[in-house]
Structures are given as C-alpha cells and as structure tokens.
Amino acid sequence: MNFKVNKVKIVVTVPVNDLENIRRAVCEAGAGIIGEYSYCTFSSRVTGTFLPNEYAHPYIGEVKKLEYVDEEKLEFICEVDKVKKVLEQLRAKHPYEEPGIDIIPLIDEKEFY
C-alpha cells in the first residue's frame, strides 16, 4: 500500500519552565490544528538525561557530568507544508543547544476506507 503523508507528529522535550513559551510559538507558526480546533498539544512530565562532552555548551548542567532533568514532552500535529516554519520557531524558542526532536509521519484514517 502507498500512503500519502499530509501530516506529521512532532515530539520534543523541553525544560518545564519553557513549555508554554514553546507551545505558543509552534502553535502560532501553524502547528496543533485538528479539525476546527487549534492549539491542540499534549504534554507529559518526563526525566531527561544527558552527558555533555568537552565541546558542549549546556543550558543546564556541566560539561562531562551526567545530568537528570525534569522536562515536559510536548507533542503536536503539523501539516507537512508547515513543518519548516514550525521547526524554525521551535528552535528559536528552545533553550537547548541540541533539542531532541522526533518527526513522525502520520497516515490519515481516510486512507483505510
């Protein structure tokens, strides 16, 4: 079967204090639209870990020290033609040097009828 991908789900972890600023930025850039609703996002509390090497400039923590950080995992839907703009806004507002961003292709349920 061949499916056309019109939307993706973007998942990113963010510092708890930056969640609302980033949520607003991606939604204002066109993400989070489901039918007649906008600002549709999901978030859940997670613990992130990372170990910055000697070339890193960590926003949180120290070089060469394993860090455990309370974060929020933010998930939202985005039309494929808006992904570039949404990612630009996400990266502009995200404080991390290298945020972990997942982009997951979605299949519209109409493809199965």
N, C-alpha and C. Protein backbone atom coordinates (compact mmCIF):
# COMPACT_ATOMS: atom_id res chain seq x y z
N MET A 1 0.84 -1.19 0.00
CA MET A 1 0.00 0.00 0.00
C MET A 1 0.88 1.25 0.00
N ASN A 2 0.45 2.22 -0.75
CA ASN A 2 1.13 3.52 -0.76
C ASN A 2 0.23 4.52 -0.06
N PHE A 3 0.81 5.23 0.89
CA PHE A 3 0.06 6.23 1.63
C PHE A 3 0.64 7.60 1.38
N LYS A 4 -0.23 8.57 1.28
CA LYS A 4 0.22 9.96 1.18
C LYS A 4 0.29 10.52 2.60
N VAL A 5 1.41 11.13 2.92
CA VAL A 5 1.60 11.72 4.24
C VAL A 5 1.36 13.22 4.13
N ASN A 6 0.31 13.69 4.79
CA ASN A 6 -0.02 15.11 4.79
C ASN A 6 0.32 15.78 6.12
N LYS A 7 0.42 14.96 7.16
CA LYS A 7 0.69 15.49 8.50
C LYS A 7 1.75 14.66 9.19
N VAL A 8 2.41 15.29 10.14
CA VAL A 8 3.38 14.61 11.00
C VAL A 8 3.05 14.93 12.45
N LYS A 9 3.57 14.11 13.33
CA LYS A 9 3.54 14.43 14.76
C LYS A 9 4.96 14.81 15.12
N ILE A 10 5.10 15.95 15.78
CA ILE A 10 6.41 16.40 16.25
C ILE A 10 6.43 16.24 17.76
N VAL A 11 7.51 15.64 18.25
CA VAL A 11 7.67 15.40 19.68
C VAL A 11 9.01 16.01 20.09
N VAL A 12 9.00 16.77 21.17
CA VAL A 12 10.22 17.41 21.66
C VAL A 12 10.15 17.49 23.18
N THR A 13 11.28 17.34 23.82
CA THR A 13 11.32 17.56 25.27
C THR A 13 11.85 18.97 25.52
N VAL A 14 11.25 19.60 26.53
CA VAL A 14 11.59 20.99 26.84
C VAL A 14 11.70 21.17 28.35
N PRO A 15 12.50 22.12 28.80
CA PRO A 15 12.51 22.41 30.23
C PRO A 15 11.11 22.85 30.69
N VAL A 16 10.74 22.43 31.87
CA VAL A 16 9.40 22.69 32.38
C VAL A 16 9.04 24.18 32.29
N ASN A 17 9.96 25.05 32.65
CA ASN A 17 9.67 26.49 32.65
C ASN A 17 9.52 27.09 31.26
N ASP A 18 9.95 26.38 30.22
CA ASP A 18 9.88 26.89 28.85
C ASP A 18 8.69 26.32 28.07
N LEU A 19 7.93 25.43 28.69
CA LEU A 19 6.86 24.73 27.97
C LEU A 19 5.86 25.68 27.32
N GLU A 20 5.29 26.59 28.04
CA GLU A 20 4.24 27.46 27.49
C GLU A 20 4.75 28.36 26.39
N ASN A 21 5.96 28.86 26.53
CA ASN A 21 6.55 29.72 25.51
C ASN A 21 6.75 28.95 24.21
N ILE A 22 7.21 27.72 24.31
CA ILE A 22 7.44 26.90 23.11
C ILE A 22 6.11 26.44 22.53
N ARG A 23 5.16 26.05 23.38
CA ARG A 23 3.84 25.65 22.90
C ARG A 23 3.20 26.78 22.09
N ARG A 24 3.25 27.97 22.62
CA ARG A 24 2.67 29.14 21.93
C ARG A 24 3.38 29.40 20.60
N ALA A 25 4.70 29.28 20.59
CA ALA A 25 5.47 29.56 19.37
C ALA A 25 5.12 28.58 18.24
N VAL A 26 5.05 27.29 18.56
CA VAL A 26 4.77 26.32 17.49
C VAL A 26 3.32 26.42 17.01
N CYS A 27 2.42 26.71 17.93
CA CYS A 27 1.01 26.85 17.52
C CYS A 27 0.79 28.11 16.71
N GLU A 28 1.44 29.19 17.06
CA GLU A 28 1.33 30.42 16.27
C GLU A 28 1.96 30.26 14.89
N ALA A 29 2.89 29.30 14.76
CA ALA A 29 3.52 29.03 13.46
C ALA A 29 2.68 28.07 12.61
N GLY A 30 1.56 27.58 13.16
CA GLY A 30 0.65 26.75 12.37
C GLY A 30 0.51 25.31 12.82
N ALA A 31 1.18 24.90 13.87
CA ALA A 31 1.04 23.53 14.37
C ALA A 31 -0.16 23.44 15.32
N GLY A 32 -0.52 22.20 15.65
CA GLY A 32 -1.56 21.98 16.65
C GLY A 32 -2.98 22.16 16.16
N ILE A 33 -3.22 22.01 14.87
CA ILE A 33 -4.57 22.15 14.33
C ILE A 33 -5.15 20.76 14.07
N ILE A 34 -6.28 20.49 14.69
CA ILE A 34 -7.01 19.24 14.46
C ILE A 34 -8.45 19.63 14.17
N GLY A 35 -8.85 19.46 12.91
CA GLY A 35 -10.21 19.84 12.51
C GLY A 35 -10.44 21.32 12.75
N GLU A 36 -11.47 21.62 13.52
CA GLU A 36 -11.84 23.01 13.80
C GLU A 36 -11.22 23.54 15.10
N TYR A 37 -10.20 22.84 15.60
CA TYR A 37 -9.57 23.22 16.86
C TYR A 37 -8.11 23.59 16.62
N SER A 38 -7.64 24.60 17.33
CA SER A 38 -6.23 24.98 17.25
C SER A 38 -5.61 24.85 18.65
N TYR A 39 -4.31 25.03 18.73
CA TYR A 39 -3.54 24.87 19.97
C TYR A 39 -3.74 23.49 20.59
N CYS A 40 -3.91 22.46 19.75
CA CYS A 40 -4.06 21.08 20.23
C CYS A 40 -2.66 20.51 20.45
N THR A 41 -2.29 20.32 21.68
CA THR A 41 -1.00 19.73 22.03
C THR A 41 -1.20 18.77 23.19
N PHE A 42 -0.18 17.98 23.43
CA PHE A 42 -0.18 17.07 24.56
C PHE A 42 1.16 17.23 25.25
N SER A 43 1.16 17.20 26.57
CA SER A 43 2.43 17.25 27.28
C SER A 43 2.37 16.32 28.48
N SER A 44 3.53 15.79 28.80
CA SER A 44 3.64 14.91 29.97
C SER A 44 5.01 15.09 30.59
N ARG A 45 5.07 14.92 31.88
CA ARG A 45 6.32 15.09 32.61
C ARG A 45 7.22 13.89 32.39
N VAL A 46 8.48 14.16 32.09
CA VAL A 46 9.48 13.11 31.86
C VAL A 46 10.79 13.50 32.54
N THR A 47 11.68 12.56 32.65
CA THR A 47 13.03 12.84 33.14
C THR A 47 14.00 12.63 31.99
N GLY A 48 14.71 13.66 31.64
CA GLY A 48 15.71 13.57 30.58
C GLY A 48 17.09 13.38 31.17
N THR A 49 17.95 12.70 30.43
CA THR A 49 19.34 12.55 30.85
C THR A 49 20.25 12.96 29.69
N PHE A 50 21.41 13.46 30.02
CA PHE A 50 22.41 13.79 29.01
C PHE A 50 23.76 13.97 29.67
N LEU A 51 24.80 13.77 28.87
CA LEU A 51 26.17 13.91 29.32
C LEU A 51 26.90 14.79 28.32
N PRO A 52 27.06 16.09 28.61
CA PRO A 52 27.73 16.99 27.67
C PRO A 52 29.22 16.66 27.55
N ASN A 53 29.72 16.62 26.31
CA ASN A 53 31.16 16.40 26.14
C ASN A 53 31.90 17.73 26.28
N GLU A 54 33.21 17.69 26.09
CA GLU A 54 34.03 18.88 26.33
C GLU A 54 33.77 20.01 25.35
N TYR A 55 33.06 19.74 24.23
CA TYR A 55 32.77 20.78 23.24
C TYR A 55 31.37 21.39 23.42
N ALA A 56 30.59 20.84 24.32
CA ALA A 56 29.21 21.29 24.52
C ALA A 56 29.16 22.57 25.35
N HIS A 57 28.03 23.27 25.18
CA HIS A 57 27.73 24.47 25.97
C HIS A 57 26.34 24.28 26.56
N PRO A 58 26.23 23.45 27.60
CA PRO A 58 24.91 23.09 28.11
C PRO A 58 24.17 24.26 28.76
N TYR A 59 22.87 24.29 28.47
CA TYR A 59 21.96 25.27 29.08
C TYR A 59 21.77 24.93 30.56
N ILE A 60 21.69 23.63 30.82
CA ILE A 60 21.54 23.10 32.18
C ILE A 60 22.69 22.14 32.41
N GLY A 61 23.27 22.15 33.60
CA GLY A 61 24.29 21.16 33.94
C GLY A 61 25.69 21.60 33.60
N GLU A 62 26.60 20.61 33.69
CA GLU A 62 28.01 20.87 33.50
C GLU A 62 28.61 19.90 32.49
N VAL A 63 29.66 20.34 31.84
CA VAL A 63 30.39 19.51 30.90
C VAL A 63 30.95 18.29 31.64
N LYS A 64 30.84 17.12 30.98
CA LYS A 64 31.35 15.84 31.49
C LYS A 64 30.68 15.39 32.78
N LYS A 65 29.47 15.85 33.04
CA LYS A 65 28.73 15.40 34.22
C LYS A 65 27.34 14.94 33.77
N LEU A 66 26.99 13.68 34.09
CA LEU A 66 25.68 13.14 33.74
C LEU A 66 24.60 13.91 34.48
N GLU A 67 23.61 14.40 33.73
CA GLU A 67 22.53 15.20 34.30
C GLU A 67 21.19 14.48 34.18
N TYR A 68 20.35 14.65 35.16
CA TYR A 68 18.96 14.19 35.16
C TYR A 68 18.11 15.44 35.33
N VAL A 69 17.21 15.67 34.37
CA VAL A 69 16.46 16.93 34.34
C VAL A 69 14.96 16.66 34.20
N ASP A 70 14.16 17.32 35.04
CA ASP A 70 12.71 17.27 34.86
C ASP A 70 12.36 18.08 33.63
N GLU A 71 11.66 17.44 32.71
CA GLU A 71 11.28 18.09 31.46
C GLU A 71 9.81 17.78 31.16
N GLU A 72 9.29 18.46 30.15
CA GLU A 72 7.98 18.15 29.60
C GLU A 72 8.18 17.65 28.19
N LYS A 73 7.48 16.57 27.85
CA LYS A 73 7.48 16.09 26.47
C LYS A 73 6.27 16.73 25.80
N LEU A 74 6.52 17.54 24.79
CA LEU A 74 5.48 18.25 24.07
C LEU A 74 5.26 17.55 22.73
N GLU A 75 3.99 17.22 22.43
CA GLU A 75 3.63 16.55 21.18
C GLU A 75 2.54 17.35 20.49
N PHE A 76 2.64 17.42 19.16
CA PHE A 76 1.61 18.14 18.41
C PHE A 76 1.63 17.69 16.95
N ILE A 77 0.50 17.88 16.30
CA ILE A 77 0.32 17.56 14.89
C ILE A 77 0.71 18.78 14.05
N CYS A 78 1.24 18.50 12.86
CA CYS A 78 1.63 19.60 11.98
C CYS A 78 1.46 19.17 10.53
N GLU A 79 0.88 20.03 9.71
CA GLU A 79 0.80 19.75 8.28
C GLU A 79 2.20 19.81 7.70
N VAL A 80 2.48 18.93 6.75
CA VAL A 80 3.81 18.80 6.17
C VAL A 80 4.32 20.14 5.62
N ASP A 81 3.46 20.91 4.98
CA ASP A 81 3.91 22.17 4.39
C ASP A 81 4.22 23.26 5.42
N LYS A 82 3.93 23.01 6.70
CA LYS A 82 4.23 23.98 7.76
C LYS A 82 5.39 23.55 8.66
N VAL A 83 5.91 22.35 8.42
CA VAL A 83 6.94 21.81 9.31
C VAL A 83 8.16 22.72 9.40
N LYS A 84 8.67 23.19 8.28
CA LYS A 84 9.89 24.01 8.30
C LYS A 84 9.69 25.25 9.18
N LYS A 85 8.59 25.96 8.99
CA LYS A 85 8.32 27.17 9.78
C LYS A 85 8.16 26.83 11.27
N VAL A 86 7.46 25.74 11.56
CA VAL A 86 7.24 25.34 12.95
C VAL A 86 8.57 24.99 13.61
N LEU A 87 9.42 24.23 12.90
CA LEU A 87 10.72 23.87 13.47
C LEU A 87 11.61 25.09 13.67
N GLU A 88 11.53 26.05 12.77
CA GLU A 88 12.31 27.29 12.95
C GLU A 88 11.89 28.00 14.23
N GLN A 89 10.59 28.08 14.48
CA GLN A 89 10.09 28.74 15.69
C GLN A 89 10.42 27.94 16.94
N LEU A 90 10.31 26.61 16.84
CA LEU A 90 10.64 25.74 17.97
C LEU A 90 12.10 25.95 18.37
N ARG A 91 12.98 25.90 17.38
CA ARG A 91 14.42 26.06 17.68
C ARG A 91 14.75 27.48 18.17
N ALA A 92 14.03 28.47 17.68
CA ALA A 92 14.28 29.85 18.11
C ALA A 92 13.92 30.04 19.58
N LYS A 93 12.93 29.31 20.06
CA LYS A 93 12.47 29.47 21.44
C LYS A 93 13.07 28.45 22.40
N HIS A 94 13.57 27.34 21.88
CA HIS A 94 14.09 26.27 22.73
C HIS A 94 15.46 26.66 23.26
N PRO A 95 15.70 26.54 24.56
CA PRO A 95 16.98 26.97 25.11
C PRO A 95 18.13 25.99 24.91
N TYR A 96 17.84 24.73 24.56
CA TYR A 96 18.89 23.74 24.45
C TYR A 96 19.72 23.94 23.18
N GLU A 97 20.98 23.65 23.29
CA GLU A 97 21.91 23.70 22.16
C GLU A 97 21.49 22.68 21.09
N GLU A 98 21.07 21.48 21.51
CA GLU A 98 20.66 20.41 20.60
C GLU A 98 19.38 19.75 21.12
N PRO A 99 18.22 20.35 20.89
CA PRO A 99 16.99 19.70 21.38
C PRO A 99 16.73 18.41 20.60
N GLY A 100 16.24 17.42 21.31
CA GLY A 100 15.84 16.16 20.66
C GLY A 100 14.47 16.33 20.04
N ILE A 101 14.37 16.22 18.73
CA ILE A 101 13.10 16.44 18.02
C ILE A 101 12.80 15.20 17.19
N ASP A 102 11.63 14.61 17.41
CA ASP A 102 11.17 13.48 16.59
C ASP A 102 10.10 13.99 15.64
N ILE A 103 10.18 13.56 14.38
CA ILE A 103 9.16 13.89 13.39
C ILE A 103 8.62 12.57 12.86
N ILE A 104 7.35 12.31 13.17
CA ILE A 104 6.73 11.02 12.87
C ILE A 104 5.67 11.20 11.79
N PRO A 105 5.82 10.54 10.64
CA PRO A 105 4.79 10.66 9.59
C PRO A 105 3.48 10.03 10.06
N LEU A 106 2.38 10.66 9.72
CA LEU A 106 1.05 10.17 10.10
C LEU A 106 0.26 9.77 8.87
N ILE A 107 -0.52 8.73 9.00
CA ILE A 107 -1.39 8.28 7.93
C ILE A 107 -2.81 8.68 8.31
N ASP A 108 -3.48 9.41 7.44
CA ASP A 108 -4.86 9.81 7.68
C ASP A 108 -5.75 8.58 7.66
N GLU A 109 -6.66 8.49 8.60
CA GLU A 109 -7.53 7.30 8.67
C GLU A 109 -8.36 7.11 7.41
N LYS A 110 -8.58 8.17 6.64
CA LYS A 110 -9.33 8.05 5.37
C LYS A 110 -8.61 7.15 4.37
N GLU A 111 -7.31 6.98 4.53
CA GLU A 111 -6.52 6.11 3.65
C GLU A 111 -6.95 4.64 3.78
N PHE A 112 -7.65 4.31 4.84
CA PHE A 112 -8.04 2.92 5.08
C PHE A 112 -9.46 2.60 4.62
N TYR A 113 -10.16 3.59 4.09
CA TYR A 113 -11.54 3.35 3.64
C TYR A 113 -11.59 3.09 2.15
